Amino acid sequence: MLQKGTIDLSLREMVPIFTKVFSSPFVLIGLIAYGIGALLWLVILSETELSYAYPIVSLSYIIVIFGSIILFHEDVSLLRWIGVILICIGVCVVARS
């Protein structure tokens, strides 16, 4: 049953898909950014406690919202902005403790 969705796919059919995806500059930039982020995360963890550093990861939600507005011209609803404000409050509470 596990192979039901992939039983008709062969490696030969998947190679062009992977080639197309991984030759996209947007995908490559995203992978590079992800790798840099992982390295920075290791540096941060070597310098501070996990219980302090991990809540700050939630700031990525804020970065994504501003990025989606600037790069993709998305409309952000009032409810999402309220969520961003709550995240900021939470990060400030954790940072002060």
PDB file of N, CA and C in Angstrom:
ATOM      1  N   MET A   1       0.817  -1.196   0.000  1.00  0.00           N
ATOM      2  CA  MET A   1       0.000   0.000   0.000  1.00  0.00           C
ATOM      3  C   MET A   1       0.864   1.264   0.000  1.00  0.00           C
ATOM      4  N   LEU A   2       2.015   1.213   0.640  1.00  0.00           N
ATOM      5  CA  LEU A   2       2.896   2.373   0.719  1.00  0.00           C
ATOM      6  C   LEU A   2       3.395   2.793  -0.658  1.00  0.00           C
ATOM      7  N   GLN A   3       3.587   1.829  -1.557  1.00  0.00           N
ATOM      8  CA  GLN A   3       4.128   2.127  -2.880  1.00  0.00           C
ATOM      9  C   GLN A   3       3.050   2.493  -3.892  1.00  0.00           C
ATOM     10  N   LYS A   4       1.821   2.537  -3.481  1.00  0.00           N
ATOM     11  CA  LYS A   4       0.717   2.781  -4.410  1.00  0.00           C
ATOM     12  C   LYS A   4       0.908   4.077  -5.207  1.00  0.00           C
ATOM     13  N   GLY A   5       1.332   5.153  -4.544  1.00  0.00           N
ATOM     14  CA  GLY A   5       1.480   6.432  -5.230  1.00  0.00           C
ATOM     15  C   GLY A   5       2.730   6.534  -6.074  1.00  0.00           C
ATOM     16  N   THR A   6       3.734   5.711  -5.816  1.00  0.00           N
ATOM     17  CA  THR A   6       4.994   5.829  -6.548  1.00  0.00           C
ATOM     18  C   THR A   6       5.307   4.634  -7.428  1.00  0.00           C
ATOM     19  N   ILE A   7       4.432   3.684  -7.464  1.00  0.00           N
ATOM     20  CA  ILE A   7       4.730   2.448  -8.193  1.00  0.00           C
ATOM     21  C   ILE A   7       4.888   2.693  -9.696  1.00  0.00           C
ATOM     22  N   ASP A   8       4.209   3.720 -10.230  1.00  0.00           N
ATOM     23  CA  ASP A   8       4.286   3.980 -11.664  1.00  0.00           C
ATOM     24  C   ASP A   8       5.433   4.930 -12.027  1.00  0.00           C
ATOM     25  N   LEU A   9       6.129   5.463 -11.035  1.00  0.00           N
ATOM     26  CA  LEU A   9       7.223   6.380 -11.319  1.00  0.00           C
ATOM     27  C   LEU A   9       8.531   5.620 -11.399  1.00  0.00           C
ATOM     28  N   SER A  10       9.292   5.927 -12.412  1.00  0.00           N
ATOM     29  CA  SER A  10      10.616   5.338 -12.517  1.00  0.00           C
ATOM     30  C   SER A  10      11.641   6.445 -12.324  1.00  0.00           C
ATOM     31  N   LEU A  11      12.850   6.054 -12.019  1.00  0.00           N
ATOM     32  CA  LEU A  11      13.923   7.033 -11.837  1.00  0.00           C
ATOM     33  C   LEU A  11      14.137   7.830 -13.121  1.00  0.00           C
ATOM     34  N   ARG A  12      13.971   7.188 -14.236  1.00  0.00           N
ATOM     35  CA  ARG A  12      14.148   7.841 -15.532  1.00  0.00           C
ATOM     36  C   ARG A  12      13.147   8.987 -15.716  1.00  0.00           C
ATOM     37  N   GLU A  13      11.939   8.835 -15.182  1.00  0.00           N
ATOM     38  CA  GLU A  13      10.936   9.893 -15.298  1.00  0.00           C
ATOM     39  C   GLU A  13      11.185  11.022 -14.302  1.00  0.00           C
ATOM     40  N   MET A  14      11.834  10.722 -13.189  1.00  0.00           N
ATOM     41  CA  MET A  14      12.034  11.718 -12.141  1.00  0.00           C
ATOM     42  C   MET A  14      13.255  12.600 -12.383  1.00  0.00           C
ATOM     43  N   VAL A  15      14.251  12.113 -13.111  1.00  0.00           N
ATOM     44  CA  VAL A  15      15.481  12.873 -13.342  1.00  0.00           C
ATOM     45  C   VAL A  15      15.204  14.215 -14.029  1.00  0.00           C
ATOM     46  N   PRO A  16      14.381  14.281 -15.085  1.00  0.00           N
ATOM     47  CA  PRO A  16      14.119  15.594 -15.693  1.00  0.00           C
ATOM     48  C   PRO A  16      13.443  16.571 -14.725  1.00  0.00           C
ATOM     49  N   ILE A  17      12.606  16.059 -13.844  1.00  0.00           N
ATOM     50  CA  ILE A  17      11.941  16.920 -12.861  1.00  0.00           C
ATOM     51  C   ILE A  17      12.969  17.507 -11.908  1.00  0.00           C
ATOM     52  N   PHE A  18      13.854  16.663 -11.364  1.00  0.00           N
ATOM     53  CA  PHE A  18      14.890  17.145 -10.452  1.00  0.00           C
ATOM     54  C   PHE A  18      15.838  18.109 -11.155  1.00  0.00           C
ATOM     55  N   THR A  19      16.179  17.802 -12.398  1.00  0.00           N
ATOM     56  CA  THR A  19      17.072  18.675 -13.162  1.00  0.00           C
ATOM     57  C   THR A  19      16.441  20.056 -13.337  1.00  0.00           C
ATOM     58  N   LYS A  20      15.171  20.088 -13.663  1.00  0.00           N
ATOM     59  CA  LYS A  20      14.482  21.355 -13.864  1.00  0.00           C
ATOM     60  C   LYS A  20      14.371  22.134 -12.553  1.00  0.00           C
ATOM     61  N   VAL A  21      14.029  21.444 -11.476  1.00  0.00           N
ATOM     62  CA  VAL A  21      13.863  22.111 -10.182  1.00  0.00           C
ATOM     63  C   VAL A  21      15.190  22.660  -9.683  1.00  0.00           C
ATOM     64  N   PHE A  22      16.237  21.846  -9.703  1.00  0.00           N
ATOM     65  CA  PHE A  22      17.512  22.264  -9.140  1.00  0.00           C
ATOM     66  C   PHE A  22      18.327  23.161 -10.068  1.00  0.00           C
ATOM     67  N   SER A  23      17.852  23.393 -11.293  1.00  0.00           N
ATOM     68  CA  SER A  23      18.531  24.349 -12.156  1.00  0.00           C
ATOM     69  C   SER A  23      17.871  25.729 -12.071  1.00  0.00           C
ATOM     70  N   SER A  24      16.806  25.843 -11.306  1.00  0.00           N
ATOM     71  CA  SER A  24      16.141  27.127 -11.122  1.00  0.00           C
ATOM     72  C   SER A  24      16.969  28.012 -10.192  1.00  0.00           C
ATOM     73  N   PRO A  25      17.252  29.236 -10.593  1.00  0.00           N
ATOM     74  CA  PRO A  25      18.037  30.116  -9.720  1.00  0.00           C
ATOM     75  C   PRO A  25      17.333  30.399  -8.390  1.00  0.00           C
ATOM     76  N   PHE A  26      16.008  30.434  -8.394  1.00  0.00           N
ATOM     77  CA  PHE A  26      15.272  30.686  -7.161  1.00  0.00           C
ATOM     78  C   PHE A  26      15.454  29.536  -6.170  1.00  0.00           C
ATOM     79  N   VAL A  27      15.434  28.317  -6.674  1.00  0.00           N
ATOM     80  CA  VAL A  27      15.645  27.152  -5.809  1.00  0.00           C
ATOM     81  C   VAL A  27      17.075  27.152  -5.284  1.00  0.00           C
ATOM     82  N   LEU A  28      18.030  27.441  -6.139  1.00  0.00           N
ATOM     83  CA  LEU A  28      19.433  27.466  -5.711  1.00  0.00           C
ATOM     84  C   LEU A  28      19.683  28.554  -4.668  1.00  0.00           C
ATOM     85  N   ILE A  29      19.116  29.737  -4.877  1.00  0.00           N
ATOM     86  CA  ILE A  29      19.253  30.813  -3.893  1.00  0.00           C
ATOM     87  C   ILE A  29      18.604  30.402  -2.575  1.00  0.00           C
ATOM     88  N   GLY A  30      17.444  29.762  -2.662  1.00  0.00           N
ATOM     89  CA  GLY A  30      16.773  29.296  -1.453  1.00  0.00           C
ATOM     90  C   GLY A  30      17.593  28.262  -0.701  1.00  0.00           C
ATOM     91  N   LEU A  31      18.201  27.335  -1.414  1.00  0.00           N
ATOM     92  CA  LEU A  31      19.035  26.316  -0.769  1.00  0.00           C
ATOM     93  C   LEU A  31      20.278  26.929  -0.137  1.00  0.00           C
ATOM     94  N   ILE A  32      20.869  27.890  -0.813  1.00  0.00           N
ATOM     95  CA  ILE A  32      22.043  28.578  -0.252  1.00  0.00           C
ATOM     96  C   ILE A  32      21.646  29.346   1.014  1.00  0.00           C
ATOM     97  N   ALA A  33      20.519  30.038   0.958  1.00  0.00           N
ATOM     98  CA  ALA A  33      20.046  30.778   2.129  1.00  0.00           C
ATOM     99  C   ALA A  33      19.741  29.825   3.286  1.00  0.00           C
ATOM    100  N   TYR A  34      19.156  28.678   2.967  1.00  0.00           N
ATOM    101  CA  TYR A  34      18.864  27.682   3.997  1.00  0.00           C
ATOM    102  C   TYR A  34      20.156  27.167   4.629  1.00  0.00           C
ATOM    103  N   GLY A  35      21.167  26.923   3.803  1.00  0.00           N
ATOM    104  CA  GLY A  35      22.454  26.449   4.321  1.00  0.00           C
ATOM    105  C   GLY A  35      23.130  27.482   5.206  1.00  0.00           C
ATOM    106  N   ILE A  36      23.092  28.741   4.781  1.00  0.00           N
ATOM    107  CA  ILE A  36      23.669  29.809   5.598  1.00  0.00           C
ATOM    108  C   ILE A  36      22.922  29.922   6.917  1.00  0.00           C
ATOM    109  N   GLY A  37      21.603  29.814   6.852  1.00  0.00           N
ATOM    110  CA  GLY A  37      20.804  29.865   8.070  1.00  0.00           C
ATOM    111  C   GLY A  37      21.135  28.732   9.029  1.00  0.00           C
ATOM    112  N   ALA A  38      21.358  27.543   8.484  1.00  0.00           N
ATOM    113  CA  ALA A  38      21.722  26.400   9.332  1.00  0.00           C
ATOM    114  C   ALA A  38      23.069  26.623   9.996  1.00  0.00           C
ATOM    115  N   LEU A  39      24.021  27.168   9.261  1.00  0.00           N
ATOM    116  CA  LEU A  39      25.328  27.455   9.843  1.00  0.00           C
ATOM    117  C   LEU A  39      25.237  28.536  10.924  1.00  0.00           C
ATOM    118  N   LEU A  40      24.458  29.575  10.658  1.00  0.00           N
ATOM    119  CA  LEU A  40      24.264  30.618  11.663  1.00  0.00           C
ATOM    120  C   LEU A  40      23.588  30.067  12.918  1.00  0.00           C
ATOM    121  N   TRP A  41      22.644  29.168  12.720  1.00  0.00           N
ATOM    122  CA  TRP A  41      21.955  28.548  13.853  1.00  0.00           C
ATOM    123  C   TRP A  41      22.953  27.778  14.720  1.00  0.00           C
ATOM    124  N   LEU A  42      23.885  27.079  14.107  1.00  0.00           N
ATOM    125  CA  LEU A  42      24.906  26.360  14.873  1.00  0.00           C
ATOM    126  C   LEU A  42      25.793  27.326  15.656  1.00  0.00           C
ATOM    127  N   VAL A  43      26.136  28.445  15.045  1.00  0.00           N
ATOM    128  CA  VAL A  43      26.936  29.455  15.747  1.00  0.00           C
ATOM    129  C   VAL A  43      26.155  30.019  16.935  1.00  0.00           C
ATOM    130  N   ILE A  44      24.890  30.327  16.725  1.00  0.00           N
ATOM    131  CA  ILE A  44      24.053  30.860  17.803  1.00  0.00           C
ATOM    132  C   ILE A  44      23.941  29.858  18.941  1.00  0.00           C
ATOM    133  N   LEU A  45      23.732  28.591  18.612  1.00  0.00           N
ATOM    134  CA  LEU A  45      23.600  27.572  19.661  1.00  0.00           C
ATOM    135  C   LEU A  45      24.899  27.361  20.427  1.00  0.00           C
ATOM    136  N   SER A  46      26.022  27.627  19.779  1.00  0.00           N
ATOM    137  CA  SER A  46      27.296  27.478  20.483  1.00  0.00           C
ATOM    138  C   SER A  46      27.541  28.634  21.446  1.00  0.00           C
ATOM    139  N   GLU A  47      26.814  29.733  21.263  1.00  0.00           N
ATOM    140  CA  GLU A  47      27.026  30.922  22.080  1.00  0.00           C
ATOM    141  C   GLU A  47      25.963  31.145  23.149  1.00  0.00           C
ATOM    142  N   THR A  48      24.800  30.541  23.030  1.00  0.00           N
ATOM    143  CA  THR A  48      23.704  30.825  23.958  1.00  0.00           C
ATOM    144  C   THR A  48      22.914  29.563  24.277  1.00  0.00           C
ATOM    145  N   GLU A  49      22.041  29.669  25.247  1.00  0.00           N
ATOM    146  CA  GLU A  49      21.218  28.531  25.657  1.00  0.00           C
ATOM    147  C   GLU A  49      20.085  28.309  24.663  1.00  0.00           C
ATOM    148  N   LEU A  50      19.727  27.060  24.470  1.00  0.00           N
ATOM    149  CA  LEU A  50      18.661  26.708  23.540  1.00  0.00           C
ATOM    150  C   LEU A  50      17.333  27.327  23.967  1.00  0.00           C
ATOM    151  N   SER A  51      17.051  27.330  25.265  1.00  0.00           N
ATOM    152  CA  SER A  51      15.773  27.871  25.742  1.00  0.00           C
ATOM    153  C   SER A  51      15.651  29.366  25.478  1.00  0.00           C
ATOM    154  N   TYR A  52      16.756  30.047  25.311  1.00  0.00           N
ATOM    155  CA  TYR A  52      16.737  31.466  24.967  1.00  0.00           C
ATOM    156  C   TYR A  52      16.713  31.656  23.448  1.00  0.00           C
ATOM    157  N   ALA A  53      17.497  30.871  22.739  1.00  0.00           N
ATOM    158  CA  ALA A  53      17.652  31.054  21.299  1.00  0.00           C
ATOM    159  C   ALA A  53      16.434  30.581  20.502  1.00  0.00           C
ATOM    160  N   TYR A  54      15.821  29.488  20.917  1.00  0.00           N
ATOM    161  CA  TYR A  54      14.769  28.897  20.084  1.00  0.00           C
ATOM    162  C   TYR A  54      13.543  29.786  19.914  1.00  0.00           C
ATOM    163  N   PRO A  55      13.072  30.465  20.964  1.00  0.00           N
ATOM    164  CA  PRO A  55      11.929  31.361  20.729  1.00  0.00           C
ATOM    165  C   PRO A  55      12.222  32.478  19.736  1.00  0.00           C
ATOM    166  N   ILE A  56      13.458  32.851  19.615  1.00  0.00           N
ATOM    167  CA  ILE A  56      13.811  33.903  18.670  1.00  0.00           C
ATOM    168  C   ILE A  56      13.649  33.418  17.228  1.00  0.00           C
ATOM    169  N   VAL A  57      13.635  32.112  17.033  1.00  0.00           N
ATOM    170  CA  VAL A  57      13.375  31.551  15.693  1.00  0.00           C
ATOM    171  C   VAL A  57      12.012  32.008  15.188  1.00  0.00           C
ATOM    172  N   SER A  58      11.093  32.275  16.108  1.00  0.00           N
ATOM    173  CA  SER A  58       9.760  32.717  15.690  1.00  0.00           C
ATOM    174  C   SER A  58       9.806  34.062  14.973  1.00  0.00           C
ATOM    175  N   LEU A  59      10.913  34.778  15.098  1.00  0.00           N
ATOM    176  CA  LEU A  59      11.054  36.021  14.343  1.00  0.00           C
ATOM    177  C   LEU A  59      11.070  35.759  12.840  1.00  0.00           C
ATOM    178  N   SER A  60      11.347  34.516  12.450  1.00  0.00           N
ATOM    179  CA  SER A  60      11.328  34.193  11.019  1.00  0.00           C
ATOM    180  C   SER A  60       9.933  34.395  10.435  1.00  0.00           C
ATOM    181  N   TYR A  61       8.879  34.226  11.249  1.00  0.00           N
ATOM    182  CA  TYR A  61       7.521  34.490  10.763  1.00  0.00           C
ATOM    183  C   TYR A  61       7.381  35.947  10.345  1.00  0.00           C
ATOM    184  N   ILE A  62       7.968  36.821  11.128  1.00  0.00           N
ATOM    185  CA  ILE A  62       7.895  38.245  10.841  1.00  0.00           C
ATOM    186  C   ILE A  62       8.682  38.563   9.577  1.00  0.00           C
ATOM    187  N   ILE A  63       9.857  37.969   9.448  1.00  0.00           N
ATOM    188  CA  ILE A  63      10.685  38.195   8.266  1.00  0.00           C
ATOM    189  C   ILE A  63       9.963  37.711   7.007  1.00  0.00           C
ATOM    190  N   VAL A  64       9.298  36.575   7.114  1.00  0.00           N
ATOM    191  CA  VAL A  64       8.569  36.026   5.967  1.00  0.00           C
ATOM    192  C   VAL A  64       7.414  36.938   5.570  1.00  0.00           C
ATOM    193  N   ILE A  65       6.711  37.481   6.552  1.00  0.00           N
ATOM    194  CA  ILE A  65       5.595  38.374   6.222  1.00  0.00           C
ATOM    195  C   ILE A  65       6.097  39.622   5.497  1.00  0.00           C
ATOM    196  N   PHE A  66       7.158  40.244   6.030  1.00  0.00           N
ATOM    197  CA  PHE A  66       7.693  41.430   5.356  1.00  0.00           C
ATOM    198  C   PHE A  66       8.268  41.074   3.985  1.00  0.00           C
ATOM    199  N   GLY A  67       8.904  39.917   3.887  1.00  0.00           N
ATOM    200  CA  GLY A  67       9.421  39.470   2.599  1.00  0.00           C
ATOM    201  C   GLY A  67       8.319  39.239   1.583  1.00  0.00           C
ATOM    202  N   SER A  68       7.207  38.659   2.037  1.00  0.00           N
ATOM    203  CA  SER A  68       6.104  38.403   1.112  1.00  0.00           C
ATOM    204  C   SER A  68       5.450  39.702   0.651  1.00  0.00           C
ATOM    205  N   ILE A  69       5.459  40.709   1.525  1.00  0.00           N
ATOM    206  CA  ILE A  69       4.916  42.013   1.127  1.00  0.00           C
ATOM    207  C   ILE A  69       5.845  42.688   0.123  1.00  0.00           C
ATOM    208  N   ILE A  70       7.138  42.694   0.427  1.00  0.00           N
ATOM    209  CA  ILE A  70       8.104  43.412  -0.410  1.00  0.00           C
ATOM    210  C   ILE A  70       8.366  42.678  -1.729  1.00  0.00           C
ATOM    211  N   LEU A  71       8.606  41.374  -1.652  1.00  0.00           N
ATOM    212  CA  LEU A  71       8.993  40.631  -2.854  1.00  0.00           C
ATOM    213  C   LEU A  71       7.817  40.203  -3.721  1.00  0.00           C
ATOM    214  N   PHE A  72       6.716  39.792  -3.056  1.00  0.00           N
ATOM    215  CA  PHE A  72       5.611  39.203  -3.810  1.00  0.00           C
ATOM    216  C   PHE A  72       4.350  40.068  -3.816  1.00  0.00           C
ATOM    217  N   HIS A  73       4.438  41.242  -3.167  1.00  0.00           N
ATOM    218  CA  HIS A  73       3.317  42.188  -3.145  1.00  0.00           C
ATOM    219  C   HIS A  73       2.030  41.544  -2.624  1.00  0.00           C
ATOM    220  N   GLU A  74       2.168  40.713  -1.597  1.00  0.00           N
ATOM    221  CA  GLU A  74       1.001  40.061  -1.010  1.00  0.00           C
ATOM    222  C   GLU A  74       0.292  41.000  -0.043  1.00  0.00           C
ATOM    223  N   ASP A  75      -1.003  40.822   0.061  1.00  0.00           N
ATOM    224  CA  ASP A  75      -1.778  41.551   1.053  1.00  0.00           C
ATOM    225  C   ASP A  75      -1.790  40.743   2.342  1.00  0.00           C
ATOM    226  N   VAL A  76      -1.511  41.406   3.447  1.00  0.00           N
ATOM    227  CA  VAL A  76      -1.482  40.743   4.745  1.00  0.00           C
ATOM    228  C   VAL A  76      -2.681  41.243   5.543  1.00  0.00           C
ATOM    229  N   SER A  77      -3.487  40.314   6.014  1.00  0.00           N
ATOM    230  CA  SER A  77      -4.715  40.679   6.716  1.00  0.00           C
ATOM    231  C   SER A  77      -4.426  41.217   8.112  1.00  0.00           C
ATOM    232  N   LEU A  78      -5.419  41.883   8.663  1.00  0.00           N
ATOM    233  CA  LEU A  78      -5.309  42.434  10.010  1.00  0.00           C
ATOM    234  C   LEU A  78      -5.052  41.330  11.030  1.00  0.00           C
ATOM    235  N   LEU A  79      -5.673  40.192  10.853  1.00  0.00           N
ATOM    236  CA  LEU A  79      -5.476  39.077  11.781  1.00  0.00           C
ATOM    237  C   LEU A  79      -4.028  38.595  11.779  1.00  0.00           C
ATOM    238  N   ARG A  80      -3.396  38.583  10.620  1.00  0.00           N
ATOM    239  CA  ARG A  80      -1.982  38.194  10.559  1.00  0.00           C
ATOM    240  C   ARG A  80      -1.102  39.228  11.241  1.00  0.00           C
ATOM    241  N   TRP A  81      -1.425  40.515  11.067  1.00  0.00           N
ATOM    242  CA  TRP A  81      -0.646  41.554  11.748  1.00  0.00           C
ATOM    243  C   TRP A  81      -0.787  41.429  13.256  1.00  0.00           C
ATOM    244  N   ILE A  82      -1.968  41.077  13.716  1.00  0.00           N
ATOM    245  CA  ILE A  82      -2.162  40.842  15.150  1.00  0.00           C
ATOM    246  C   ILE A  82      -1.286  39.684  15.599  1.00  0.00           C
ATOM    247  N   GLY A  83      -1.205  38.649  14.792  1.00  0.00           N
ATOM    248  CA  GLY A  83      -0.327  37.520  15.091  1.00  0.00           C
ATOM    249  C   GLY A  83       1.129  37.930  15.163  1.00  0.00           C
ATOM    250  N   VAL A  84       1.541  38.800  14.250  1.00  0.00           N
ATOM    251  CA  VAL A  84       2.926  39.301  14.255  1.00  0.00           C
ATOM    252  C   VAL A  84       3.204  40.071  15.542  1.00  0.00           C
ATOM    253  N   ILE A  85       2.262  40.895  15.950  1.00  0.00           N
ATOM    254  CA  ILE A  85       2.429  41.663  17.189  1.00  0.00           C
ATOM    255  C   ILE A  85       2.532  40.721  18.386  1.00  0.00           C
ATOM    256  N   LEU A  86       1.696  39.688  18.415  1.00  0.00           N
ATOM    257  CA  LEU A  86       1.759  38.716  19.521  1.00  0.00           C
ATOM    258  C   LEU A  86       3.097  37.975  19.536  1.00  0.00           C
ATOM    259  N   ILE A  87       3.601  37.638  18.368  1.00  0.00           N
ATOM    260  CA  ILE A  87       4.909  36.982  18.295  1.00  0.00           C
ATOM    261  C   ILE A  87       5.992  37.911  18.841  1.00  0.00           C
ATOM    262  N   CYS A  88       5.949  39.173  18.441  1.00  0.00           N
ATOM    263  CA  CYS A  88       6.939  40.144  18.940  1.00  0.00           C
ATOM    264  C   CYS A  88       6.871  40.273  20.456  1.00  0.00           C
ATOM    265  N   ILE A  89       5.668  40.313  20.997  1.00  0.00           N
ATOM    266  CA  ILE A  89       5.506  40.395  22.453  1.00  0.00           C
ATOM    267  C   ILE A  89       6.095  39.154  23.113  1.00  0.00           C
ATOM    268  N   GLY A  90       5.811  37.996  22.554  1.00  0.00           N
ATOM    269  CA  GLY A  90       6.338  36.746  23.109  1.00  0.00           C
ATOM    270  C   GLY A  90       7.853  36.692  23.093  1.00  0.00           C
ATOM    271  N   VAL A  91       8.446  37.127  21.996  1.00  0.00           N
ATOM    272  CA  VAL A  91       9.907  37.139  21.898  1.00  0.00           C
ATOM    273  C   VAL A  91      10.498  38.105  22.916  1.00  0.00           C
ATOM    274  N   CYS A  92       9.863  39.265  23.099  1.00  0.00           N
ATOM    275  CA  CYS A  92      10.353  40.231  24.099  1.00  0.00           C
ATOM    276  C   CYS A  92      10.266  39.656  25.508  1.00  0.00           C
ATOM    277  N   VAL A  93       9.185  38.944  25.800  1.00  0.00           N
ATOM    278  CA  VAL A  93       9.037  38.334  27.128  1.00  0.00           C
ATOM    279  C   VAL A  93      10.134  37.308  27.363  1.00  0.00           C
ATOM    280  N   VAL A  94      10.390  36.472  26.376  1.00  0.00           N
ATOM    281  CA  VAL A  94      11.434  35.448  26.516  1.00  0.00           C
ATOM    282  C   VAL A  94      12.812  36.098  26.629  1.00  0.00           C
ATOM    283  N   ALA A  95      13.049  37.138  25.848  1.00  0.00           N
ATOM    284  CA  ALA A  95      14.369  37.794  25.856  1.00  0.00           C
ATOM    285  C   ALA A  95      14.653  38.463  27.203  1.00  0.00           C
ATOM    286  N   ARG A  96      13.633  38.916  27.891  1.00  0.00           N
ATOM    287  CA  ARG A  96      13.831  39.588  29.173  1.00  0.00           C
ATOM    288  C   ARG A  96      13.939  38.626  30.335  1.00  0.00           C
ATOM    289  N   SER A  97      13.572  37.376  30.128  1.00  0.00           N
ATOM    290  CA  SER A  97      13.593  36.418  31.253  1.00  0.00           C
ATOM    291  C   SER A  97      14.970  35.834  31.466  1.00  0.00           C
TER     292      SER A  97
END
